[in-house]
Amino acid sequence: MSMKGKEADRIRQNLADAVCPDTLIENYMEMWAQRRVADQVGLLQKHRKSLLGSLHQYQKALECLDYLLFTTEKQRQCNEP
């Protein structure tokens, strides 16, 4: 396999590890082959923003569950003899 082929494989794997959808990977690889660096950066930034939004949603969900667990445990302790 050529160096360019190995590099492409590494990039594809990195994108997959970053939970990029197949369409994003294909678009990115097209841009990479055409050396459209500014477009690549924009695509990665957009995906990063999406992941960060998901992270914040999950963080809020965890905080809600933590609060519910806390209040439920507190209630259980108050009801124990």
Protein backbone atom coordinates (compact mmCIF):
# COMPACT_ATOMS: atom_id res chain seq x y z
CA MET A 1 0.00 0.00 0.00
CA SER A 2 1.30 3.47 -0.87
CA MET A 3 2.02 6.13 1.73
CA LYS A 4 -0.97 8.10 0.47
CA GLY A 5 -3.18 5.03 0.84
CA LYS A 6 -1.95 4.44 4.39
CA GLU A 7 -2.52 8.08 5.25
CA ALA A 8 -6.04 7.91 3.81
CA ASP A 9 -6.74 4.81 5.91
CA ARG A 10 -5.49 6.57 9.05
CA ILE A 11 -7.66 9.60 8.32
CA ARG A 12 -10.73 7.43 7.69
CA GLN A 13 -10.13 5.57 10.95
CA ASN A 14 -9.70 8.81 12.87
CA LEU A 15 -12.95 10.16 11.45
CA ALA A 16 -14.74 6.92 12.32
CA ASP A 17 -13.32 7.06 15.85
CA ALA A 18 -14.67 10.63 16.08
CA VAL A 19 -18.16 9.21 15.42
CA CYS A 20 -18.41 10.84 12.00
CA PRO A 21 -21.23 9.52 9.82
CA ASP A 22 -20.24 7.76 6.59
CA THR A 23 -21.41 10.69 4.47
CA LEU A 24 -19.16 13.09 6.38
CA ILE A 25 -16.21 10.71 5.99
CA GLU A 26 -16.75 10.46 2.25
CA ASN A 27 -17.13 14.23 1.88
CA TYR A 28 -14.01 14.83 3.94
CA MET A 29 -11.99 12.31 1.93
CA GLU A 30 -13.08 13.98 -1.32
CA MET A 31 -11.96 17.33 0.06
CA TRP A 32 -8.70 15.76 1.24
CA ALA A 33 -7.99 14.31 -2.21
CA GLN A 34 -8.68 17.73 -3.75
CA ARG A 35 -6.61 19.51 -1.07
CA ARG A 36 -9.56 21.69 -0.05
CA VAL A 37 -8.18 22.36 3.40
CA ALA A 38 -10.51 25.25 4.28
CA ASP A 39 -13.52 23.07 3.48
CA GLN A 40 -12.08 20.23 5.55
CA VAL A 41 -11.63 22.54 8.53
CA GLY A 42 -15.19 23.82 8.19
CA LEU A 43 -16.59 20.29 8.02
CA LEU A 44 -14.63 19.19 11.10
CA GLN A 45 -15.64 22.30 13.05
CA LYS A 46 -19.30 21.70 12.22
CA HIS A 47 -19.10 18.08 13.42
CA ARG A 48 -17.23 19.15 16.56
CA LYS A 49 -19.97 21.67 17.34
CA SER A 50 -22.58 18.94 16.88
CA LEU A 51 -20.72 16.58 19.23
CA LEU A 52 -20.33 19.33 21.81
CA GLY A 53 -24.06 20.02 21.66
CA SER A 54 -24.76 16.33 22.27
CA LEU A 55 -22.30 16.33 25.15
CA HIS A 56 -24.11 19.24 26.77
CA GLN A 57 -27.47 17.50 26.35
CA TYR A 58 -26.13 14.34 27.99
CA GLN A 59 -24.49 16.37 30.73
CA LYS A 60 -27.82 18.02 31.52
CA ALA A 61 -29.55 14.61 31.51
CA LEU A 62 -26.95 13.27 33.96
CA GLU A 63 -27.44 16.27 36.23
CA CYS A 64 -31.20 15.65 36.24
CA LEU A 65 -30.68 11.98 37.09
CA ASP A 66 -28.18 12.86 39.80
CA TYR A 67 -30.69 15.25 41.35
CA LEU A 68 -33.44 12.64 41.22
CA LEU A 69 -31.13 10.04 42.76
CA PHE A 70 -30.14 12.47 45.51
CA THR A 71 -33.71 13.38 46.40
CA THR A 72 -34.86 9.74 46.23
CA GLU A 73 -32.03 8.61 48.51
CA LYS A 74 -32.80 11.46 50.91
CA GLN A 75 -36.47 10.47 50.95
CA ARG A 76 -35.54 6.83 51.58
CA GLN A 77 -33.36 7.83 54.52
CA CYS A 78 -36.16 9.91 56.03
CA ASN A 79 -38.60 6.99 55.76
CA GLU A 80 -36.29 4.46 57.41
CA PRO A 81 -36.94 3.82 61.10
